[in-house]
C-alpha atoms as a PDB file:
ATOM      1  CA  MET A   1       6.124 -11.768   2.996  1.00  0.00           C
ATOM      2  CA  PRO A   2       8.275  -9.958   5.585  1.00  0.00           C
ATOM      3  CA  ILE A   3       9.758  -6.536   5.012  1.00  0.00           C
ATOM      4  CA  THR A   4      12.716  -6.364   2.597  1.00  0.00           C
ATOM      5  CA  ASP A   5      14.938  -3.680   1.140  1.00  0.00           C
ATOM      6  CA  ALA A   6      12.372  -3.416  -1.668  1.00  0.00           C
ATOM      7  CA  HIS A   7      10.218  -1.490   0.854  1.00  0.00           C
ATOM      8  CA  VAL A   8      12.803   1.251   1.346  1.00  0.00           C
ATOM      9  CA  GLY A   9      11.277   4.597   0.422  1.00  0.00           C
ATOM     10  CA  ARG A  10       7.753   3.638   1.419  1.00  0.00           C
ATOM     11  CA  THR A  11       6.065   6.574   3.163  1.00  0.00           C
ATOM     12  CA  TYR A  12       2.881   6.507   5.209  1.00  0.00           C
ATOM     13  CA  PRO A  13       0.240   9.242   5.460  1.00  0.00           C
ATOM     14  CA  ALA A  14       0.652  12.007   8.019  1.00  0.00           C
ATOM     15  CA  THR A  15      -0.823  11.549  11.465  1.00  0.00           C
ATOM     16  CA  ALA A  16      -3.781  13.545  12.702  1.00  0.00           C
ATOM     17  CA  PRO A  17      -2.775  16.994  13.990  1.00  0.00           C
ATOM     18  CA  TYR A  18      -1.407  16.923  17.531  1.00  0.00           C
ATOM     19  CA  PRO A  19      -1.734  20.089  19.635  1.00  0.00           C
ATOM     20  CA  VAL A  20       1.362  20.645  21.769  1.00  0.00           C
ATOM     21  CA  THR A  21       0.157  22.248  24.995  1.00  0.00           C
ATOM     22  CA  ALA A  22       1.990  23.583  28.031  1.00  0.00           C
ATOM     23  CA  GLY A  23       0.170  20.958  30.121  1.00  0.00           C
ATOM     24  CA  LYS A  24       1.342  18.065  27.918  1.00  0.00           C
ATOM     25  CA  ILE A  25       4.901  19.380  27.987  1.00  0.00           C
ATOM     26  CA  ALA A  26       4.836  19.644  31.803  1.00  0.00           C
ATOM     27  CA  GLU A  27       3.393  16.114  32.130  1.00  0.00           C
ATOM     28  CA  PHE A  28       6.119  14.726  29.881  1.00  0.00           C
ATOM     29  CA  ALA A  29       8.833  16.558  31.846  1.00  0.00           C
ATOM     30  CA  ASP A  30       7.332  15.226  35.085  1.00  0.00           C
ATOM     31  CA  ALA A  31       7.490  11.672  33.690  1.00  0.00           C
ATOM     32  CA  LEU A  32      11.185  12.259  32.956  1.00  0.00           C
ATOM     33  CA  GLY A  33      11.750  13.671  36.433  1.00  0.00           C
ATOM     34  CA  ASP A  34      12.971  16.935  34.885  1.00  0.00           C
ATOM     35  CA  ASP A  35      11.871  20.064  36.767  1.00  0.00           C
ATOM     36  CA  SER A  36      13.513  22.560  34.409  1.00  0.00           C
ATOM     37  CA  PRO A  37      11.576  25.842  34.292  1.00  0.00           C
ATOM     38  CA  ALA A  38      11.934  25.775  30.480  1.00  0.00           C
ATOM     39  CA  TYR A  39       9.286  23.022  30.475  1.00  0.00           C
ATOM     40  CA  ARG A  40       6.772  25.005  32.542  1.00  0.00           C
ATOM     41  CA  GLY A  41       4.354  27.834  31.898  1.00  0.00           C
ATOM     42  CA  PRO A  42       2.537  29.188  28.870  1.00  0.00           C
ATOM     43  CA  ASP A  43       5.736  29.636  26.790  1.00  0.00           C
ATOM     44  CA  ALA A  44       7.130  26.177  27.557  1.00  0.00           C
ATOM     45  CA  VAL A  45       9.465  24.411  25.187  1.00  0.00           C
ATOM     46  CA  ALA A  46       9.289  20.630  25.023  1.00  0.00           C
ATOM     47  CA  PRO A  47      12.073  18.323  26.217  1.00  0.00           C
ATOM     48  CA  PRO A  48      14.042  17.000  23.226  1.00  0.00           C
ATOM     49  CA  THR A  49      12.518  13.519  23.444  1.00  0.00           C
ATOM     50  CA  PHE A  50       8.932  14.875  23.462  1.00  0.00           C
ATOM     51  CA  ALA A  51       8.808  14.472  19.661  1.00  0.00           C
ATOM     52  CA  ILE A  52       8.550  10.707  20.169  1.00  0.00           C
ATOM     53  CA  VAL A  53       4.916  11.230  21.235  1.00  0.00           C
ATOM     54  CA  VAL A  54       4.061  12.357  17.708  1.00  0.00           C
ATOM     55  CA  ALA A  55       6.554  10.083  15.941  1.00  0.00           C
ATOM     56  CA  LEU A  56       5.147   6.964  17.616  1.00  0.00           C
ATOM     57  CA  ALA A  57       1.702   7.750  16.233  1.00  0.00           C
ATOM     58  CA  ALA A  58       3.274   7.694  12.754  1.00  0.00           C
ATOM     59  CA  TRP A  59       4.547   4.157  13.387  1.00  0.00           C
ATOM     60  CA  ASP A  60       0.926   2.946  13.239  1.00  0.00           C
ATOM     61  CA  GLY A  61       1.094   2.942   9.429  1.00  0.00           C
ATOM     62  CA  LEU A  62       4.084   0.616   9.544  1.00  0.00           C
ATOM     63  CA  PHE A  63       2.354  -1.786  11.924  1.00  0.00           C
ATOM     64  CA  ALA A  64      -0.890  -1.715   9.928  1.00  0.00           C
ATOM     65  CA  ASP A  65       0.817  -2.498   6.603  1.00  0.00           C
ATOM     66  CA  PRO A  66      -0.114  -6.156   5.946  1.00  0.00           C
ATOM     67  CA  GLU A  67       2.631  -6.550   3.350  1.00  0.00           C
ATOM     68  CA  LEU A  68       5.359  -6.061   5.970  1.00  0.00           C
ATOM     69  CA  ASP A  69       4.129  -8.574   8.564  1.00  0.00           C
ATOM     70  CA  ILE A  70       5.513  -6.505  11.465  1.00  0.00           C
ATOM     71  CA  LYS A  71       4.252  -7.360  14.937  1.00  0.00           C
ATOM     72  CA  LEU A  72       4.933  -5.150  17.929  1.00  0.00           C
ATOM     73  CA  SER A  73       5.435  -8.241  20.083  1.00  0.00           C
ATOM     74  CA  ARG A  74       8.411  -9.273  17.909  1.00  0.00           C
ATOM     75  CA  LEU A  75      10.060  -5.844  17.820  1.00  0.00           C
ATOM     76  CA  ILE A  76      12.973  -4.349  19.745  1.00  0.00           C
ATOM     77  CA  HIS A  77      13.580  -0.612  19.628  1.00  0.00           C
ATOM     78  CA  GLY A  78      17.330  -0.541  19.092  1.00  0.00           C
ATOM     79  CA  ASP A  79      18.269   3.115  18.598  1.00  0.00           C
ATOM     80  CA  GLN A  80      16.716   6.586  18.572  1.00  0.00           C
ATOM     81  CA  ARG A  81      17.917   9.976  17.338  1.00  0.00           C
ATOM     82  CA  PHE A  82      16.274  13.396  17.083  1.00  0.00           C
ATOM     83  CA  ASP A  83      17.512  16.070  14.677  1.00  0.00           C
ATOM     84  CA  TYR A  84      15.892  19.431  15.379  1.00  0.00           C
ATOM     85  CA  ALA A  85      15.374  22.451  13.143  1.00  0.00           C
ATOM     86  CA  ARG A  86      13.837  24.206  16.160  1.00  0.00           C
ATOM     87  CA  PRO A  87      12.343  23.207  19.526  1.00  0.00           C
ATOM     88  CA  LEU A  88       8.748  22.105  19.869  1.00  0.00           C
ATOM     89  CA  ARG A  89       6.812  24.758  21.773  1.00  0.00           C
ATOM     90  CA  ALA A  90       3.488  25.095  23.518  1.00  0.00           C
ATOM     91  CA  GLY A  91       1.011  26.245  20.899  1.00  0.00           C
ATOM     92  CA  ASP A  92       2.485  24.199  18.041  1.00  0.00           C
ATOM     93  CA  GLU A  93       0.163  21.889  16.164  1.00  0.00           C
ATOM     94  CA  VAL A  94       2.156  19.146  14.497  1.00  0.00           C
ATOM     95  CA  VAL A  95       1.822  16.080  12.302  1.00  0.00           C
ATOM     96  CA  SER A  96       4.287  13.291  11.608  1.00  0.00           C
ATOM     97  CA  THR A  97       5.012  11.346   8.431  1.00  0.00           C
ATOM     98  CA  LEU A  98       6.921   8.057   8.586  1.00  0.00           C
ATOM     99  CA  SER A  99       9.266   6.680   5.912  1.00  0.00           C
ATOM    100  CA  ILE A 100      11.204   3.431   5.693  1.00  0.00           C
ATOM    101  CA  ASP A 101      14.842   4.428   5.158  1.00  0.00           C
ATOM    102  CA  LYS A 102      16.797   1.173   5.333  1.00  0.00           C
ATOM    103  CA  VAL A 103      16.176  -2.550   5.744  1.00  0.00           C
ATOM    104  CA  ARG A 104      18.884  -5.133   6.388  1.00  0.00           C
ATOM    105  CA  ALA A 105      17.607  -8.704   6.568  1.00  0.00           C
ATOM    106  CA  ARG A 106      19.691 -11.330   8.365  1.00  0.00           C
ATOM    107  CA  GLY A 107      18.181 -14.792   8.699  1.00  0.00           C
ATOM    108  CA  ASN A 108      14.800 -14.459  10.372  1.00  0.00           C
ATOM    109  CA  SER A 109      15.544 -10.901  11.551  1.00  0.00           C
ATOM    110  CA  ALA A 110      15.479  -7.465   9.994  1.00  0.00           C
ATOM    111  CA  PHE A 111      17.106  -4.223  11.080  1.00  0.00           C
ATOM    112  CA  ILE A 112      14.700  -1.510   9.991  1.00  0.00           C
ATOM    113  CA  THR A 113      15.546   2.186  10.009  1.00  0.00           C
ATOM    114  CA  VAL A 114      12.581   4.532   9.882  1.00  0.00           C
ATOM    115  CA  SER A 115      12.359   8.302  10.063  1.00  0.00           C
ATOM    116  CA  ALA A 116       9.398  10.345  11.184  1.00  0.00           C
ATOM    117  CA  SER A 117       9.316  13.938  10.040  1.00  0.00           C
ATOM    118  CA  VAL A 118       7.567  16.178  12.572  1.00  0.00           C
ATOM    119  CA  ASP A 119       6.162  19.319  10.971  1.00  0.00           C
ATOM    120  CA  THR A 120       3.691  22.007  11.944  1.00  0.00           C
ATOM    121  CA  THR A 121       0.327  21.909  10.236  1.00  0.00           C
ATOM    122  CA  ALA A 122       1.473  25.117   8.486  1.00  0.00           C
ATOM    123  CA  GLY A 123       4.302  23.112   6.877  1.00  0.00           C
ATOM    124  CA  GLU A 124       7.297  24.195   8.993  1.00  0.00           C
ATOM    125  CA  HIS A 125       9.749  21.365   9.648  1.00  0.00           C
ATOM    126  CA  VAL A 126      10.462  20.961  13.377  1.00  0.00           C
ATOM    127  CA  CYS A 127      12.489  17.771  13.653  1.00  0.00           C
ATOM    128  CA  THR A 128      13.182  14.301  12.347  1.00  0.00           C
ATOM    129  CA  SER A 129      13.008  11.297  14.649  1.00  0.00           C
ATOM    130  CA  THR A 130      15.105   8.387  13.347  1.00  0.00           C
ATOM    131  CA  SER A 131      14.681   4.922  14.853  1.00  0.00           C
ATOM    132  CA  THR A 132      16.339   1.582  14.336  1.00  0.00           C
ATOM    133  CA  LEU A 133      13.993  -1.325  14.954  1.00  0.00           C
ATOM    134  CA  VAL A 134      14.959  -4.993  15.142  1.00  0.00           C
ATOM    135  CA  HIS A 135      12.208  -7.411  14.149  1.00  0.00           C
ATOM    136  CA  THR A 136      12.223 -11.208  14.159  1.00  0.00           C
ATOM    137  CA  TRP A 137       9.914 -13.690  12.494  1.00  0.00           C
ATOM    138  CA  PRO A 138       9.377 -17.357  13.320  1.00  0.00           C
ATOM    139  CA  GLU A 139      11.846 -19.576  11.441  1.00  0.00           C
ATOM    140  CA  GLU A 140       8.959 -21.179   9.511  1.00  0.00           C
ATOM    141  CA  ALA A 141       8.212 -17.826   7.852  1.00  0.00           C
ATOM    142  CA  PHE A 142      11.380 -18.391   5.812  1.00  0.00           C
ATOM    143  CA  ALA A 143      10.950 -22.089   5.018  1.00  0.00           C
END
């Protein structure tokens, strides 16, 4: 059975700890084409979208949940937002926990809003990554 609003509130286990290093921050900034000095050196802060690296790992629980029947090949990433308590910094070790916040089914499609809380392994909240995903199923799934 595909995902429904009955799944709202479902939360998946935290990801494995992810060490945020100055090198990973610099590589991410390079991929963005951003040469800001804030993203370089031992005291680097991460670009605002860096949190997606950790948040995406949390999506694995959603994709692995057999009850939801979600396939990456049938998914469009429709919207993304980051709400920060503080910047991610080199030296942080973080985990992410994903929750299903909203599901709106329309025909053979669903608009799914998920949030991934990114927190240090010491329990400090860093940011929340909120995504809207659009998923479709074959028409016969609803016959």
